[in-house]
Protein backbone atom coordinates (compact mmCIF):
# COMPACT_ATOMS: atom_id res chain seq x y z
CA MET A 1 -66.31 3.45 14.67
CA ALA A 2 -68.34 3.90 17.82
CA HIS A 3 -69.80 6.84 19.86
CA ILE A 4 -69.46 6.97 23.65
CA ASN A 5 -71.90 8.72 25.96
CA ARG A 6 -69.94 11.36 27.80
CA LYS A 7 -72.30 11.32 30.70
CA ILE A 8 -71.28 7.81 31.51
CA LEU A 9 -67.48 8.00 31.00
CA GLY A 10 -66.76 11.58 31.09
CA SER A 11 -64.33 13.24 28.61
CA ILE A 12 -61.92 10.75 27.07
CA LYS A 13 -59.11 11.69 24.69
CA GLY A 14 -56.01 9.94 23.51
CA ARG A 15 -54.95 6.43 23.12
CA ILE A 16 -55.63 3.38 25.24
CA GLY A 17 -53.99 0.17 23.83
CA ASP A 18 -55.01 -0.22 20.23
CA VAL A 19 -57.94 2.21 20.50
CA VAL A 20 -57.82 6.09 19.92
CA PHE A 21 -60.34 8.49 21.47
CA ARG A 22 -60.98 11.79 19.73
CA GLU A 23 -63.69 14.42 20.35
CA ARG A 24 -65.52 15.87 17.36
CA ASN A 25 -68.55 18.23 17.44
CA GLY A 26 -69.05 17.42 21.09
CA LYS A 27 -69.00 13.62 20.58
CA VAL A 28 -66.30 11.20 21.50
CA ILE A 29 -65.35 8.93 18.65
CA VAL A 30 -63.39 5.67 18.77
CA PHE A 31 -60.92 4.73 16.07
CA SER A 32 -58.67 1.62 15.76
CA ARG A 33 -55.00 2.61 16.14
CA PRO A 34 -53.29 2.63 12.73
CA LYS A 35 -50.76 -0.08 12.45
CA LYS A 36 -47.17 0.81 11.74
CA TYR A 37 -45.39 -1.24 8.99
CA LYS A 38 -41.78 -1.58 9.46
CA LYS A 39 -39.97 -0.65 6.21
CA THR A 40 -37.61 -3.51 5.42
CA LYS A 41 -34.02 -2.81 4.91
CA SER A 42 -33.03 -6.18 3.48
CA GLN A 43 -30.35 -6.22 0.87
CA LYS A 44 -32.61 -8.58 -1.28
CA LEU A 45 -35.38 -5.92 -1.56
CA LYS A 46 -32.90 -3.10 -2.16
CA ASN A 47 -31.46 -5.14 -5.09
CA GLU A 48 -35.00 -5.82 -6.40
CA ARG A 49 -35.65 -2.01 -6.45
CA LYS A 50 -32.48 -1.26 -8.14
CA LYS A 51 -33.03 -3.95 -10.76
CA PHE A 52 -36.52 -2.60 -11.52
CA ALA A 53 -35.19 0.96 -11.85
CA THR A 54 -32.44 -0.24 -14.30
CA VAL A 55 -35.08 -2.13 -16.53
CA VAL A 56 -37.36 0.98 -16.38
CA MET A 57 -34.53 3.08 -17.77
CA LEU A 58 -34.04 0.49 -20.52
CA ALA A 59 -37.85 0.66 -21.34
CA ASN A 60 -37.72 4.49 -21.41
CA ILE A 61 -34.80 4.44 -23.95
CA ILE A 62 -36.58 1.99 -26.15
CA LYS A 63 -39.84 3.91 -25.89
CA ASN A 64 -38.04 6.92 -27.33
CA SER A 65 -37.20 5.05 -30.49
CA THR A 66 -40.15 5.01 -32.85
CA ASP A 67 -39.10 1.83 -34.68
CA LEU A 68 -38.20 -0.20 -31.61
CA TYR A 69 -41.31 0.81 -29.63
CA SER A 70 -43.58 0.07 -32.62
CA ILE A 71 -42.14 -3.55 -32.97
CA TRP A 72 -42.73 -4.18 -29.17
CA LYS A 73 -46.29 -2.75 -29.55
CA ASN A 74 -47.10 -5.25 -32.27
CA SER A 75 -45.42 -8.24 -30.75
CA ASN A 76 -47.26 -11.10 -29.12
CA LEU A 77 -44.92 -11.27 -26.17
CA PRO A 78 -46.58 -11.22 -22.59
CA GLY A 79 -47.69 -7.76 -21.39
CA SER A 80 -50.74 -5.59 -21.66
CA ASN A 81 -48.93 -2.86 -23.62
CA ALA A 82 -45.56 -2.29 -25.15
CA TYR A 83 -43.91 -0.60 -22.10
CA GLN A 84 -45.07 -3.50 -19.91
CA LYS A 85 -43.78 -5.97 -22.45
CA ILE A 86 -40.34 -4.47 -22.40
CA ILE A 87 -40.14 -4.48 -18.62
CA LYS A 88 -41.68 -7.85 -18.07
CA ASN A 89 -39.48 -9.58 -20.66
CA ASN A 90 -36.33 -7.98 -19.50
CA LEU A 91 -36.68 -8.30 -15.71
CA LYS A 92 -36.10 -12.08 -15.91
CA LEU A 93 -32.97 -11.53 -18.02
CA THR A 94 -31.35 -8.85 -15.74
CA ASN A 95 -28.34 -10.05 -13.77
CA ASN A 96 -28.77 -9.08 -10.10
CA VAL A 97 -29.21 -5.26 -10.37
CA ASP A 98 -27.52 -4.76 -13.75
CA LEU A 99 -28.24 -5.46 -17.31
CA SER A 100 -26.56 -8.57 -18.79
CA ILE A 101 -25.66 -9.59 -22.31
CA ASN A 102 -28.99 -11.60 -22.32
CA ASN A 103 -31.19 -8.53 -22.11
CA ILE A 104 -33.09 -7.59 -25.28
CA LEU A 105 -33.75 -4.44 -27.25
CA LEU A 106 -36.35 -6.23 -29.46
CA PRO A 107 -38.58 -9.34 -29.33
CA PRO A 108 -36.77 -12.44 -31.06
CA GLY A 109 -36.34 -11.98 -34.82
CA ILE A 110 -34.02 -13.00 -37.61
CA ASP A 111 -30.67 -14.40 -36.37
CA ILE A 112 -27.36 -12.70 -37.05
CA GLN A 113 -23.76 -13.27 -36.35
CA LEU A 114 -21.95 -10.42 -34.62
CA ASN A 115 -18.37 -10.10 -33.45
CA LEU A 116 -16.51 -7.27 -31.65
CA LEU A 117 -13.41 -6.49 -33.86
CA ASN A 118 -11.86 -3.43 -32.19
CA THR A 119 -12.36 -0.66 -29.59
CA GLU A 120 -10.75 2.73 -30.14
CA ARG A 121 -9.66 4.67 -27.04
CA SER A 122 -8.52 8.14 -26.05
CA ASN A 123 -7.32 8.16 -22.37
CA ASN A 124 -10.15 6.59 -20.32
CA ASN A 125 -12.78 7.09 -23.02
CA ILE A 126 -13.89 4.61 -25.61
CA THR A 127 -14.47 6.68 -28.78
CA GLU A 128 -15.37 4.00 -31.38
CA ILE A 129 -16.43 0.42 -31.42
CA LYS A 130 -15.85 -1.71 -34.57
CA LEU A 131 -18.29 -4.64 -35.16
CA GLY A 132 -18.38 -7.43 -37.76
CA LEU A 133 -21.95 -8.25 -38.74
CA GLU A 134 -23.04 -11.16 -40.90
CA PHE A 135 -26.47 -12.26 -42.13
CA GLU A 136 -27.61 -15.67 -43.65
CA ASN A 137 -27.77 -15.38 -47.50
CA ALA A 138 -31.52 -15.74 -47.42
CA HIS A 139 -31.97 -12.61 -45.16
CA LYS A 140 -29.09 -10.46 -46.51
CA SER A 141 -31.26 -8.53 -48.99
CA LEU A 142 -33.75 -7.63 -46.41
CA PHE A 143 -31.06 -5.44 -44.64
CA GLU A 144 -29.40 -3.68 -47.53
CA SER A 145 -30.69 -0.44 -45.97
CA ALA A 146 -31.14 -0.63 -42.28
CA THR A 147 -30.25 0.85 -38.89
CA ILE A 148 -28.24 -0.95 -36.14
CA TYR A 149 -29.38 0.05 -32.71
CA SER A 150 -26.68 -0.19 -30.01
CA LEU A 151 -27.14 0.15 -26.28
CA PHE A 152 -23.88 0.25 -24.25
CA TYR A 153 -24.28 -0.36 -20.41
CA LYS A 154 -21.61 0.34 -17.80
CA ILE A 155 -21.35 -2.01 -14.83
CA ASP A 156 -19.67 0.15 -12.38
CA ASN A 157 -18.94 -1.71 -9.00
CA SER A 158 -17.68 1.52 -7.31
CA THR A 159 -21.11 3.15 -7.79
CA ALA A 160 -23.94 1.97 -5.48
CA LYS A 161 -26.79 3.75 -7.24
CA THR A 162 -28.25 2.97 -10.64
CA ASN A 163 -28.30 6.08 -12.96
CA ILE A 164 -28.86 7.12 -16.49
CA GLU A 165 -25.16 7.75 -16.97
CA ARG A 166 -24.70 4.01 -17.25
CA PHE A 167 -26.55 3.98 -20.52
CA HIS A 168 -25.31 4.97 -23.97
CA PHE A 169 -27.61 4.63 -26.95
CA ASN A 170 -26.68 4.91 -30.49
CA GLU A 171 -28.31 4.60 -34.05
CA SER A 172 -26.18 3.99 -37.12
CA LYS A 173 -27.26 3.41 -40.63
CA ILE A 174 -26.10 0.39 -42.54
CA ASN A 175 -25.66 0.80 -46.32
CA GLN A 176 -23.70 -2.18 -47.53
CA ASN A 177 -23.26 -4.00 -50.84
CA LYS A 178 -25.35 -7.18 -50.77
CA GLU A 179 -22.37 -8.97 -52.17
CA ASP A 180 -20.44 -8.32 -49.12
CA LYS A 181 -20.20 -11.45 -46.95
CA LYS A 182 -19.64 -9.50 -43.73
CA TYR A 183 -20.46 -5.97 -42.83
CA ILE A 184 -17.91 -3.76 -41.03
CA ILE A 185 -19.64 -1.32 -38.85
CA ASN A 186 -17.92 1.55 -36.98
CA ILE A 187 -20.04 2.91 -34.14
CA PRO A 188 -18.92 6.25 -32.71
CA VAL A 189 -19.29 6.56 -28.89
CA ASN A 190 -18.04 8.72 -26.03
CA ILE A 191 -18.06 6.47 -23.04
CA LYS A 192 -15.92 7.28 -20.17
CA LEU A 193 -14.77 4.31 -18.12
CA ASN A 194 -13.68 4.19 -14.51
CA LYS A 195 -11.03 1.88 -13.10
CA ASN A 196 -13.58 -0.80 -12.00
CA CYS A 197 -15.94 -0.52 -14.99
CA ASN A 198 -17.11 -3.32 -17.18
CA LEU A 199 -19.02 -2.45 -20.39
CA ILE A 200 -21.53 -4.60 -22.28
CA GLY A 201 -23.23 -3.94 -25.52
CA LEU A 202 -26.74 -4.96 -26.94
CA PHE A 203 -27.30 -4.73 -30.66
CA CYS A 204 -30.08 -5.25 -33.04
CA VAL A 205 -30.77 -4.30 -36.67
CA VAL A 206 -34.00 -2.98 -38.15
CA SER A 207 -34.64 -2.75 -41.86
CA GLU A 208 -36.18 0.12 -43.69
CA LYS A 209 -39.79 -0.52 -44.68
CA ARG A 210 -40.04 -3.02 -47.65
CA ASN A 211 -43.42 -3.82 -49.20
CA HIS A 212 -45.11 -2.29 -46.04
CA LYS A 213 -43.05 -4.65 -43.75
CA ILE A 214 -40.24 -4.03 -41.26
CA TYR A 215 -37.73 -6.74 -40.56
CA TRP A 216 -35.65 -7.01 -37.48
CA THR A 217 -33.03 -9.18 -35.89
CA SER A 218 -32.77 -10.80 -32.49
CA THR A 219 -30.63 -8.73 -29.98
CA LYS A 220 -27.07 -9.82 -29.66
CA GLY A 221 -25.25 -9.03 -26.49
CA ILE A 222 -21.48 -9.01 -26.12
CA LYS A 223 -19.00 -8.18 -23.32
CA ILE A 224 -16.85 -5.32 -24.46
CA ILE A 225 -14.68 -4.78 -21.45
């Protein structure tokens, strides 16, 4: 910023080239002209913003679950806090602008076998999803009393914007006999599907606290429709 002697140049106001002249308290002050930055309209940047917004919504859902968020908080995955860990580790797993079956609700844990057995429908709504869940014998006793967390995500090609209506979150208790080889789990839902919709599900299981410890499974993702 520079001062100009008015006796030499007279009164100067306005812009000349990249310089702006303004008068304050009887003095002429020179400013560099603020540069304008053109906002990019590239599709790639738009997709990156949508992808980030999708993962933030996923992080907010996980944050509202005490058990899930606590596990993230105590994990050693990259990130300065639980919220950033969720976002950082899910961004690289997201497909274009949408969640994929590779996204995770929890850090890696105990492995499970999970299969889609059936979907109940009423008109254009899915009302129930039946899963077959199987643990290795060594881990079965850890999950006699547990909760299965389910996140259903709609990939709707007819809708340009990402919105919270694409997400459906559910918690269901598991109370099965440890002698059962496979658990059959019925998850009640109310998901409306449009003509061009695809639906994926992300699932994980968290045990009740045993000897001051909580056990959890890795996330399993499946394409439902």
